[in-house]
């Protein structure tokens, strides 16, 4: 689902996908190391990437999806999304995928921060969670850097990609914790 919003930080812009993002999406989405822990198989052709972009732009596509554009290069380096799991309880779930060349440089944390802020401030969520395989250390370290706390271990969770079972971790953060974290960061910045 289109976000119809743009969110910016110093280095990245979260925005709706465009058809001209095709080459960038295919570059990261066809990399088996990038998709290793994702819930989808690597794209085999640019057609797979175009079909994905079109799904992201469709009104009936479930998650609110943002292309992650690296501002200084003017190219899409990944994707983040947020799903509303319960409107009644105000619960959402985020996910992220980033091109391998940009791993370990803080881009996921930067994009994740924008996404959490969007979920809390614009969608009115009270709790946001994220899930990853236990072997995906980069992912759960990103969650921890976002201020999320490990809630539980889920043994033998089924993955969509290959119908295999894997152990997963669930992290979350509540709105009030997000607010406190922002206040603490502002206090440290002004010292």
N, C-alpha and C. Protein backbone atom coordinates (compact mmCIF):
# COMPACT_ATOMS: atom_id res chain seq x y z
N UNK A 1 0.85 -1.16 0.00
CA UNK A 1 0.00 0.00 0.00
C UNK A 1 0.90 1.23 0.00
N UNK A 2 0.53 2.20 -0.78
CA UNK A 2 1.30 3.43 -0.83
C UNK A 2 1.20 4.17 0.49
N UNK A 3 2.27 4.79 0.87
CA UNK A 3 2.29 5.57 2.10
C UNK A 3 1.75 6.97 1.89
N UNK A 4 1.91 7.48 0.66
CA UNK A 4 1.52 8.86 0.35
C UNK A 4 2.16 9.83 1.34
N UNK A 5 3.40 9.54 1.70
CA UNK A 5 4.13 10.40 2.62
C UNK A 5 5.62 10.27 2.30
N UNK A 6 6.36 11.30 2.64
CA UNK A 6 7.81 11.26 2.55
C UNK A 6 8.37 11.59 3.92
N UNK A 7 9.31 10.77 4.37
CA UNK A 7 9.94 10.96 5.66
C UNK A 7 11.43 11.08 5.41
N UNK A 8 12.06 12.11 5.97
CA UNK A 8 13.47 12.35 5.69
C UNK A 8 14.31 12.45 6.95
N UNK A 9 15.54 11.97 6.84
CA UNK A 9 16.57 12.15 7.86
C UNK A 9 17.77 12.76 7.15
N UNK A 10 18.90 12.75 7.79
CA UNK A 10 20.10 13.33 7.17
C UNK A 10 20.52 12.61 5.90
N UNK A 11 20.40 11.28 5.89
CA UNK A 11 20.91 10.52 4.75
C UNK A 11 19.85 9.81 3.91
N UNK A 12 18.68 9.55 4.47
CA UNK A 12 17.69 8.77 3.73
C UNK A 12 16.35 9.48 3.64
N UNK A 13 15.63 9.11 2.59
CA UNK A 13 14.24 9.54 2.41
C UNK A 13 13.41 8.28 2.26
N UNK A 14 12.35 8.17 3.03
CA UNK A 14 11.37 7.09 2.85
C UNK A 14 10.27 7.66 2.00
N UNK A 15 9.96 6.98 0.91
CA UNK A 15 8.96 7.48 -0.03
C UNK A 15 8.30 6.30 -0.73
N UNK A 16 7.24 6.60 -1.47
CA UNK A 16 6.60 5.57 -2.28
C UNK A 16 7.56 5.13 -3.39
N UNK A 17 7.44 3.87 -3.78
CA UNK A 17 8.20 3.38 -4.93
C UNK A 17 7.71 4.07 -6.19
N UNK A 18 8.58 4.12 -7.19
CA UNK A 18 8.25 4.62 -8.52
C UNK A 18 8.71 3.58 -9.54
N UNK A 19 8.09 3.53 -10.71
CA UNK A 19 8.52 2.56 -11.72
C UNK A 19 10.01 2.68 -12.09
N UNK A 20 10.56 3.89 -12.01
CA UNK A 20 11.98 4.04 -12.37
C UNK A 20 12.93 3.53 -11.29
N UNK A 21 12.41 2.97 -10.20
CA UNK A 21 13.24 2.34 -9.17
C UNK A 21 13.59 0.89 -9.53
N UNK A 22 13.11 0.43 -10.66
CA UNK A 22 13.23 -0.98 -11.04
C UNK A 22 14.66 -1.51 -10.93
N UNK A 23 15.64 -0.84 -11.51
CA UNK A 23 17.01 -1.35 -11.50
C UNK A 23 17.57 -1.45 -10.08
N UNK A 24 17.29 -0.44 -9.27
CA UNK A 24 17.77 -0.46 -7.89
C UNK A 24 17.14 -1.60 -7.10
N UNK A 25 15.84 -1.79 -7.26
CA UNK A 25 15.15 -2.86 -6.53
C UNK A 25 15.69 -4.22 -6.98
N UNK A 26 15.83 -4.41 -8.28
CA UNK A 26 16.33 -5.70 -8.76
C UNK A 26 17.74 -5.97 -8.23
N UNK A 27 18.55 -4.93 -8.13
CA UNK A 27 19.93 -5.12 -7.66
C UNK A 27 19.97 -5.72 -6.25
N UNK A 28 19.18 -5.17 -5.31
CA UNK A 28 19.24 -5.74 -3.96
C UNK A 28 18.32 -6.95 -3.80
N UNK A 29 17.19 -6.96 -4.48
CA UNK A 29 16.21 -8.04 -4.29
C UNK A 29 16.62 -9.35 -4.96
N UNK A 30 17.61 -9.30 -5.83
CA UNK A 30 18.08 -10.52 -6.49
C UNK A 30 19.28 -11.13 -5.76
N UNK A 31 19.76 -10.47 -4.73
CA UNK A 31 20.94 -10.93 -3.99
C UNK A 31 20.51 -11.97 -2.94
N UNK A 32 20.96 -13.22 -3.07
CA UNK A 32 20.54 -14.25 -2.12
C UNK A 32 20.98 -13.98 -0.68
N UNK A 33 22.06 -13.24 -0.48
CA UNK A 33 22.46 -12.90 0.89
C UNK A 33 21.51 -11.87 1.51
N UNK A 34 20.99 -10.98 0.68
CA UNK A 34 20.04 -9.98 1.18
C UNK A 34 18.72 -10.65 1.55
N UNK A 35 18.29 -11.59 0.75
CA UNK A 35 16.98 -12.22 0.97
C UNK A 35 17.06 -13.47 1.85
N UNK A 36 18.24 -13.78 2.33
CA UNK A 36 18.44 -15.01 3.12
C UNK A 36 17.43 -15.15 4.26
N UNK A 37 17.20 -14.07 5.00
CA UNK A 37 16.28 -14.11 6.14
C UNK A 37 14.94 -13.45 5.84
N UNK A 38 14.78 -12.95 4.63
CA UNK A 38 13.52 -12.31 4.26
C UNK A 38 12.45 -13.38 4.04
N UNK A 39 11.22 -12.97 4.03
CA UNK A 39 10.12 -13.91 3.83
C UNK A 39 9.82 -14.14 2.36
N UNK A 40 10.76 -13.83 1.49
CA UNK A 40 10.54 -14.00 0.05
C UNK A 40 11.83 -14.47 -0.62
N UNK A 41 11.67 -15.10 -1.77
CA UNK A 41 12.82 -15.62 -2.52
C UNK A 41 13.45 -14.50 -3.34
N UNK A 42 14.73 -14.64 -3.70
CA UNK A 42 15.38 -13.61 -4.52
C UNK A 42 14.65 -13.44 -5.86
N UNK A 43 14.60 -12.19 -6.32
CA UNK A 43 14.01 -11.93 -7.62
C UNK A 43 14.93 -12.51 -8.69
N UNK A 44 14.32 -13.22 -9.65
CA UNK A 44 15.11 -13.86 -10.70
C UNK A 44 15.24 -12.98 -11.93
N UNK A 45 14.26 -12.12 -12.15
CA UNK A 45 14.28 -11.25 -13.32
C UNK A 45 13.79 -9.86 -12.91
N UNK A 46 14.09 -8.85 -13.73
CA UNK A 46 13.55 -7.52 -13.44
C UNK A 46 12.01 -7.51 -13.41
N UNK A 47 11.40 -8.46 -14.11
CA UNK A 47 9.94 -8.55 -14.08
C UNK A 47 9.46 -8.82 -12.65
N UNK A 48 10.17 -9.67 -11.90
CA UNK A 48 9.80 -9.92 -10.50
C UNK A 48 9.84 -8.62 -9.69
N UNK A 49 10.85 -7.81 -9.94
CA UNK A 49 10.98 -6.54 -9.22
C UNK A 49 9.88 -5.56 -9.61
N UNK A 50 9.53 -5.54 -10.90
CA UNK A 50 8.45 -4.64 -11.33
C UNK A 50 7.12 -5.08 -10.73
N UNK A 51 6.88 -6.38 -10.68
CA UNK A 51 5.65 -6.90 -10.07
C UNK A 51 5.60 -6.51 -8.59
N UNK A 52 6.74 -6.57 -7.92
CA UNK A 52 6.81 -6.17 -6.51
C UNK A 52 6.49 -4.68 -6.35
N UNK A 53 7.09 -3.85 -7.17
CA UNK A 53 6.82 -2.40 -7.11
C UNK A 53 5.34 -2.14 -7.32
N UNK A 54 4.74 -2.81 -8.30
CA UNK A 54 3.31 -2.62 -8.57
C UNK A 54 2.46 -3.07 -7.38
N UNK A 55 2.82 -4.17 -6.72
CA UNK A 55 2.09 -4.60 -5.53
C UNK A 55 2.19 -3.53 -4.43
N UNK A 56 3.37 -2.98 -4.26
CA UNK A 56 3.57 -1.95 -3.22
C UNK A 56 2.72 -0.71 -3.49
N UNK A 57 2.42 -0.44 -4.74
CA UNK A 57 1.64 0.73 -5.11
C UNK A 57 0.13 0.46 -5.14
N UNK A 58 -0.26 -0.81 -5.02
CA UNK A 58 -1.68 -1.18 -5.08
C UNK A 58 -2.38 -0.86 -3.76
N UNK A 59 -3.64 -0.46 -3.84
CA UNK A 59 -4.41 -0.12 -2.65
C UNK A 59 -4.73 -1.33 -1.77
N UNK A 60 -4.78 -2.51 -2.37
CA UNK A 60 -5.15 -3.69 -1.59
C UNK A 60 -3.94 -4.44 -1.04
N UNK A 61 -2.73 -3.95 -1.25
CA UNK A 61 -1.51 -4.55 -0.70
C UNK A 61 -1.49 -4.25 0.78
N UNK A 62 -1.22 -5.23 1.61
CA UNK A 62 -1.33 -5.11 3.06
C UNK A 62 -0.47 -4.09 3.75
N UNK A 63 0.87 -4.24 3.73
CA UNK A 63 1.69 -3.31 4.50
C UNK A 63 1.82 -1.95 3.83
N UNK A 64 2.09 -0.94 4.63
CA UNK A 64 2.44 0.38 4.11
C UNK A 64 3.93 0.32 3.84
N UNK A 65 4.31 0.46 2.58
CA UNK A 65 5.68 0.21 2.15
C UNK A 65 6.36 1.49 1.69
N UNK A 66 7.61 1.65 2.12
CA UNK A 66 8.43 2.79 1.73
C UNK A 66 9.71 2.32 1.05
N UNK A 67 10.04 2.93 -0.07
CA UNK A 67 11.37 2.76 -0.65
C UNK A 67 12.34 3.56 0.22
N UNK A 68 13.53 3.02 0.46
CA UNK A 68 14.57 3.73 1.20
C UNK A 68 15.53 4.31 0.18
N UNK A 69 15.48 5.62 0.02
CA UNK A 69 16.34 6.30 -0.95
C UNK A 69 17.54 6.92 -0.22
N UNK A 70 18.73 6.60 -0.69
CA UNK A 70 19.96 7.20 -0.16
C UNK A 70 20.10 8.55 -0.85
N UNK A 71 19.95 9.62 -0.09
CA UNK A 71 19.87 10.96 -0.66
C UNK A 71 21.10 11.37 -1.46
N UNK A 72 22.29 11.07 -0.95
CA UNK A 72 23.48 11.54 -1.65
C UNK A 72 23.71 10.82 -2.98
N UNK A 73 23.14 9.63 -3.13
CA UNK A 73 23.28 8.88 -4.38
C UNK A 73 22.02 8.95 -5.23
N UNK A 74 20.91 9.37 -4.64
CA UNK A 74 19.66 9.45 -5.40
C UNK A 74 19.16 8.11 -5.89
N UNK A 75 19.44 7.06 -5.12
CA UNK A 75 19.02 5.72 -5.52
C UNK A 75 18.36 4.98 -4.36
N UNK A 76 17.54 4.00 -4.70
CA UNK A 76 16.87 3.19 -3.70
C UNK A 76 17.82 2.09 -3.26
N UNK A 77 18.01 2.00 -1.93
CA UNK A 77 18.95 1.01 -1.38
C UNK A 77 18.24 -0.05 -0.54
N UNK A 78 16.91 0.03 -0.46
CA UNK A 78 16.18 -0.96 0.32
C UNK A 78 14.73 -0.61 0.46
N UNK A 79 14.08 -1.30 1.37
CA UNK A 79 12.66 -1.13 1.60
C UNK A 79 12.37 -1.32 3.09
N UNK A 80 11.42 -0.55 3.60
CA UNK A 80 10.89 -0.76 4.95
C UNK A 80 9.38 -0.77 4.84
N UNK A 81 8.74 -1.48 5.76
CA UNK A 81 7.28 -1.47 5.75
C UNK A 81 6.75 -1.56 7.16
N UNK A 82 5.49 -1.20 7.28
CA UNK A 82 4.79 -1.31 8.56
C UNK A 82 3.41 -1.89 8.29
N UNK A 83 3.06 -2.89 9.09
CA UNK A 83 1.75 -3.54 8.98
C UNK A 83 0.97 -3.23 10.25
N UNK A 84 -0.28 -2.94 10.10
CA UNK A 84 -1.13 -2.77 11.27
C UNK A 84 -1.70 -4.14 11.61
N UNK A 85 -1.29 -4.67 12.75
CA UNK A 85 -1.75 -5.99 13.18
C UNK A 85 -3.10 -5.91 13.89
N UNK A 86 -3.31 -4.82 14.64
CA UNK A 86 -4.59 -4.62 15.33
C UNK A 86 -4.85 -3.13 15.47
N UNK A 87 -5.88 -2.66 14.79
CA UNK A 87 -6.27 -1.25 14.95
C UNK A 87 -6.85 -1.03 16.34
N UNK A 88 -7.60 -2.00 16.83
CA UNK A 88 -8.23 -1.88 18.14
C UNK A 88 -7.19 -1.71 19.25
N UNK A 89 -6.16 -2.55 19.24
CA UNK A 89 -5.13 -2.51 20.27
C UNK A 89 -3.98 -1.58 19.91
N UNK A 90 -3.97 -1.06 18.68
CA UNK A 90 -2.91 -0.15 18.26
C UNK A 90 -1.56 -0.83 18.14
N UNK A 91 -1.55 -2.00 17.48
CA UNK A 91 -0.32 -2.78 17.34
C UNK A 91 0.10 -2.85 15.87
N UNK A 92 1.37 -2.62 15.64
CA UNK A 92 1.93 -2.71 14.29
C UNK A 92 3.19 -3.54 14.29
N UNK A 93 3.66 -3.85 13.09
CA UNK A 93 4.89 -4.61 12.94
C UNK A 93 5.69 -4.02 11.80
N UNK A 94 6.99 -3.83 12.03
CA UNK A 94 7.86 -3.28 10.99
C UNK A 94 8.76 -4.37 10.42
N UNK A 95 9.24 -4.11 9.21
CA UNK A 95 10.20 -4.98 8.55
C UNK A 95 11.11 -4.13 7.69
N UNK A 96 12.28 -4.66 7.37
CA UNK A 96 13.23 -3.89 6.58
C UNK A 96 14.16 -4.82 5.82
N UNK A 97 14.59 -4.37 4.65
CA UNK A 97 15.54 -5.06 3.81
C UNK A 97 16.45 -4.00 3.21
N UNK A 98 17.74 -4.25 3.24
CA UNK A 98 18.70 -3.27 2.77
C UNK A 98 19.74 -3.93 1.87
N UNK A 99 20.14 -3.23 0.80
CA UNK A 99 21.18 -3.73 -0.10
C UNK A 99 22.46 -4.01 0.68
N UNK A 100 23.11 -5.10 0.35
CA UNK A 100 24.29 -5.57 1.11
C UNK A 100 25.39 -4.51 1.19
N UNK A 101 25.60 -3.77 0.14
CA UNK A 101 26.65 -2.75 0.11
C UNK A 101 26.48 -1.71 1.22
N UNK A 102 25.27 -1.56 1.75
CA UNK A 102 24.98 -0.53 2.74
C UNK A 102 24.83 -1.09 4.16
N UNK A 103 25.09 -2.38 4.34
CA UNK A 103 25.02 -2.99 5.67
C UNK A 103 26.09 -2.38 6.58
N UNK A 104 25.77 -2.32 7.86
CA UNK A 104 26.74 -1.91 8.87
C UNK A 104 27.08 -0.43 8.88
N UNK A 105 26.26 0.40 8.22
CA UNK A 105 26.53 1.83 8.14
C UNK A 105 25.44 2.67 8.81
N UNK A 106 24.51 2.02 9.49
CA UNK A 106 23.47 2.74 10.22
C UNK A 106 22.24 3.11 9.42
N UNK A 107 22.15 2.68 8.17
CA UNK A 107 21.00 3.04 7.35
C UNK A 107 19.71 2.41 7.86
N UNK A 108 19.77 1.15 8.31
CA UNK A 108 18.56 0.50 8.83
C UNK A 108 18.06 1.20 10.08
N UNK A 109 18.97 1.63 10.94
CA UNK A 109 18.56 2.34 12.16
C UNK A 109 17.94 3.68 11.79
N UNK A 110 18.54 4.37 10.84
CA UNK A 110 18.00 5.67 10.41
C UNK A 110 16.60 5.51 9.81
N UNK A 111 16.45 4.55 8.91
CA UNK A 111 15.15 4.30 8.29
C UNK A 111 14.15 3.77 9.32
N UNK A 112 14.62 2.89 10.21
CA UNK A 112 13.74 2.34 11.25
C UNK A 112 13.24 3.40 12.20
N UNK A 113 14.09 4.36 12.53
CA UNK A 113 13.67 5.47 13.40
C UNK A 113 12.55 6.26 12.76
N UNK A 114 12.69 6.56 11.47
CA UNK A 114 11.63 7.28 10.75
C UNK A 114 10.35 6.46 10.73
N UNK A 115 10.48 5.16 10.52
CA UNK A 115 9.31 4.28 10.43
C UNK A 115 8.58 4.18 11.77
N UNK A 116 9.33 4.05 12.87
CA UNK A 116 8.70 4.01 14.19
C UNK A 116 7.98 5.32 14.49
N UNK A 117 8.62 6.42 14.17
CA UNK A 117 7.98 7.72 14.39
C UNK A 117 6.69 7.83 13.58
N UNK A 118 6.70 7.37 12.35
CA UNK A 118 5.51 7.36 11.50
C UNK A 118 4.41 6.50 12.13
N UNK A 119 4.79 5.32 12.59
CA UNK A 119 3.81 4.41 13.20
C UNK A 119 3.17 5.00 14.45
N UNK A 120 3.98 5.60 15.31
CA UNK A 120 3.45 6.16 16.55
C UNK A 120 2.71 7.47 16.32
N UNK A 121 3.30 8.38 15.57
CA UNK A 121 2.72 9.72 15.43
C UNK A 121 1.61 9.80 14.39
N UNK A 122 1.78 9.12 13.26
CA UNK A 122 0.81 9.26 12.17
C UNK A 122 -0.24 8.16 12.14
N UNK A 123 0.14 6.96 12.55
CA UNK A 123 -0.83 5.87 12.57
C UNK A 123 -1.48 5.69 13.93
N UNK A 124 -0.94 6.35 14.95
CA UNK A 124 -1.51 6.27 16.29
C UNK A 124 -1.32 4.93 16.98
N UNK A 125 -0.26 4.20 16.61
CA UNK A 125 -0.02 2.90 17.23
C UNK A 125 0.49 3.06 18.66
N UNK A 126 0.22 2.07 19.48
CA UNK A 126 0.68 2.08 20.87
C UNK A 126 1.86 1.14 21.09
N UNK A 127 1.98 0.12 20.24
CA UNK A 127 3.06 -0.86 20.35
C UNK A 127 3.46 -1.28 18.95
N UNK A 128 4.77 -1.32 18.70
CA UNK A 128 5.28 -1.76 17.40
C UNK A 128 6.28 -2.88 17.65
N UNK A 129 6.14 -3.95 16.90
CA UNK A 129 7.03 -5.09 17.05
C UNK A 129 7.77 -5.36 15.75
N UNK A 130 8.78 -6.21 15.84
CA UNK A 130 9.52 -6.71 14.69
C UNK A 130 9.94 -8.13 15.01
N UNK A 131 10.09 -8.94 13.98
CA UNK A 131 10.39 -10.36 14.15
C UNK A 131 11.57 -10.70 13.23
N UNK A 132 12.47 -11.56 13.73
CA UNK A 132 13.57 -12.01 12.88
C UNK A 132 13.99 -13.42 13.28
N UNK A 133 14.70 -14.07 12.39
CA UNK A 133 15.30 -15.37 12.70
C UNK A 133 16.35 -15.18 13.78
N UNK A 134 16.51 -16.16 14.63
CA UNK A 134 17.51 -16.07 15.70
C UNK A 134 18.93 -15.94 15.13
N UNK A 135 19.16 -16.46 13.95
CA UNK A 135 20.49 -16.39 13.34
C UNK A 135 20.77 -15.03 12.69
N UNK A 136 19.78 -14.18 12.58
CA UNK A 136 19.94 -12.90 11.90
C UNK A 136 20.37 -11.82 12.89
N UNK A 137 21.63 -11.88 13.29
CA UNK A 137 22.16 -10.96 14.30
C UNK A 137 22.04 -9.51 13.86
N UNK A 138 22.29 -9.20 12.60
CA UNK A 138 22.18 -7.82 12.12
C UNK A 138 20.78 -7.27 12.37
N UNK A 139 19.79 -8.08 12.16
CA UNK A 139 18.42 -7.62 12.33
C UNK A 139 18.09 -7.35 13.79
N UNK A 140 18.42 -8.28 14.67
CA UNK A 140 18.05 -8.02 16.07
C UNK A 140 18.92 -6.95 16.70
N UNK A 141 20.13 -6.75 16.20
CA UNK A 141 20.94 -5.62 16.68
C UNK A 141 20.32 -4.30 16.24
N UNK A 142 19.77 -4.26 15.03
CA UNK A 142 19.07 -3.07 14.57
C UNK A 142 17.89 -2.77 15.50
N UNK A 143 17.12 -3.79 15.83
CA UNK A 143 15.98 -3.60 16.72
C UNK A 143 16.43 -3.05 18.07
N UNK A 144 17.51 -3.59 18.60
CA UNK A 144 18.01 -3.11 19.88
C UNK A 144 18.47 -1.65 19.79
N UNK A 145 19.11 -1.28 18.70
CA UNK A 145 19.54 0.10 18.51
C UNK A 145 18.35 1.05 18.36
N UNK A 146 17.22 0.52 17.91
CA UNK A 146 15.99 1.31 17.81
C UNK A 146 15.28 1.45 19.16
N UNK A 147 15.82 0.81 20.18
CA UNK A 147 15.22 0.87 21.50
C UNK A 147 14.21 -0.23 21.76
N UNK A 148 14.09 -1.17 20.83
CA UNK A 148 13.16 -2.28 21.00
C UNK A 148 13.74 -3.29 21.99
N UNK A 149 12.87 -4.00 22.68
CA UNK A 149 13.26 -4.95 23.70
C UNK A 149 12.80 -6.34 23.27
N UNK A 150 13.67 -7.33 23.48
CA UNK A 150 13.31 -8.70 23.15
C UNK A 150 12.18 -9.15 24.06
N UNK A 151 11.08 -9.55 23.46
CA UNK A 151 9.90 -10.00 24.19
C UNK A 151 9.85 -11.51 24.36
N UNK A 152 10.16 -12.19 23.26
CA UNK A 152 10.04 -13.65 23.35
C UNK A 152 10.79 -14.35 22.24
N UNK A 153 10.99 -15.62 22.47
CA UNK A 153 11.59 -16.56 21.54
C UNK A 153 10.46 -17.46 21.06
N UNK A 154 10.35 -17.65 19.75
CA UNK A 154 9.31 -18.50 19.19
C UNK A 154 10.00 -19.67 18.49
N UNK A 155 9.87 -20.85 19.05
CA UNK A 155 10.51 -22.03 18.48
C UNK A 155 9.69 -22.58 17.33
N UNK A 156 10.39 -22.96 16.27
CA UNK A 156 9.74 -23.63 15.15
C UNK A 156 8.67 -22.82 14.45
N UNK A 157 8.91 -21.54 14.26
CA UNK A 157 7.96 -20.68 13.53
C UNK A 157 8.08 -20.97 12.04
N UNK A 158 6.98 -21.00 11.35
CA UNK A 158 6.99 -21.32 9.93
C UNK A 158 7.29 -20.08 9.11
N UNK A 159 8.18 -20.21 8.14
CA UNK A 159 8.49 -19.09 7.26
C UNK A 159 7.72 -19.23 5.96
N UNK A 160 7.41 -18.10 5.36
CA UNK A 160 6.64 -18.10 4.11
C UNK A 160 7.49 -18.50 2.92
N UNK A 161 8.78 -18.22 2.99
CA UNK A 161 9.64 -18.40 1.83
C UNK A 161 9.70 -19.84 1.34
N UNK A 162 10.00 -20.76 2.24
CA UNK A 162 10.19 -22.14 1.79
C UNK A 162 9.45 -23.15 2.67
N UNK A 163 8.50 -22.66 3.42
CA UNK A 163 7.68 -23.50 4.30
C UNK A 163 8.53 -24.26 5.33
N UNK A 164 9.74 -23.76 5.57
CA UNK A 164 10.60 -24.38 6.59
C UNK A 164 10.25 -23.82 7.96
N UNK A 165 10.72 -24.49 8.97
CA UNK A 165 10.51 -24.02 10.34
C UNK A 165 11.83 -23.48 10.88
N UNK A 166 11.75 -22.36 11.55
CA UNK A 166 12.95 -21.74 12.10
C UNK A 166 12.59 -21.08 13.43
N UNK A 167 13.58 -20.90 14.26
CA UNK A 167 13.38 -20.21 15.53
C UNK A 167 13.44 -18.70 15.27
N UNK A 168 12.55 -17.96 15.93
CA UNK A 168 12.45 -16.53 15.69
C UNK A 168 12.46 -15.77 17.00
N UNK A 169 12.80 -14.48 16.91
CA UNK A 169 12.78 -13.57 18.04
C UNK A 169 11.77 -12.46 17.77
N UNK A 170 11.05 -12.06 18.81
CA UNK A 170 10.10 -10.96 18.71
C UNK A 170 10.59 -9.84 19.61
N UNK A 171 10.74 -8.67 19.03
CA UNK A 171 11.12 -7.46 19.75
C UNK A 171 9.97 -6.47 19.66
N UNK A 172 9.88 -5.55 20.62
CA UNK A 172 8.84 -4.52 20.53
C UNK A 172 9.26 -3.27 21.29
N UNK A 173 8.51 -2.22 21.02
CA UNK A 173 8.66 -0.96 21.75
C UNK A 173 7.27 -0.34 21.87
N UNK A 174 7.00 0.24 23.03
CA UNK A 174 5.73 0.91 23.27
C UNK A 174 5.90 2.41 23.05
N UNK A 175 4.81 3.07 22.74
CA UNK A 175 4.79 4.51 22.49
C UNK A 175 5.45 5.27 23.64
N UNK A 176 5.12 4.92 24.87
CA UNK A 176 5.67 5.67 26.01
C UNK A 176 7.18 5.51 26.10
N UNK A 177 7.70 4.33 25.76
CA UNK A 177 9.15 4.12 25.75
C UNK A 177 9.81 4.92 24.63
N UNK A 178 9.14 4.98 23.50
CA UNK A 178 9.65 5.77 22.37
C UNK A 178 9.73 7.25 22.75
N UNK A 179 8.71 7.74 23.44
CA UNK A 179 8.72 9.13 23.89
C UNK A 179 9.87 9.38 24.86
N UNK A 180 10.04 8.49 25.84
CA UNK A 180 11.13 8.64 26.82
C UNK A 180 12.49 8.62 26.13
N UNK A 181 12.64 7.73 25.18
CA UNK A 181 13.90 7.63 24.45
C UNK A 181 14.20 8.93 23.72
N UNK A 182 13.19 9.51 23.09
CA UNK A 182 13.37 10.78 22.39
C UNK A 182 13.76 11.90 23.33
N UNK A 183 13.14 11.94 24.50
CA UNK A 183 13.48 12.98 25.49
C UNK A 183 14.92 12.81 25.98
N UNK A 184 15.33 11.56 26.22
CA UNK A 184 16.71 11.32 26.68
C UNK A 184 17.71 11.74 25.61
N UNK A 185 17.44 11.43 24.35
CA UNK A 185 18.35 11.80 23.28
C UNK A 185 18.43 13.31 23.14
N UNK A 186 17.28 14.00 23.29
CA UNK A 186 17.29 15.47 23.21
C UNK A 186 18.08 16.08 24.36
N UNK A 187 17.96 15.50 25.57
CA UNK A 187 18.71 15.99 26.72
C UNK A 187 20.21 15.84 26.50
N UNK A 188 20.63 14.69 25.95
CA UNK A 188 22.05 14.46 25.70
C UNK A 188 22.56 15.38 24.61
N UNK A 189 21.73 15.67 23.62
CA UNK A 189 22.14 16.54 22.53
C UNK A 189 22.34 17.98 22.99
N UNK A 190 21.59 18.40 23.99
CA UNK A 190 21.67 19.80 24.43
C UNK A 190 22.75 20.02 25.48
N UNK A 191 23.38 18.94 25.96
CA UNK A 191 24.42 19.07 26.98
C UNK A 191 25.73 19.50 26.35
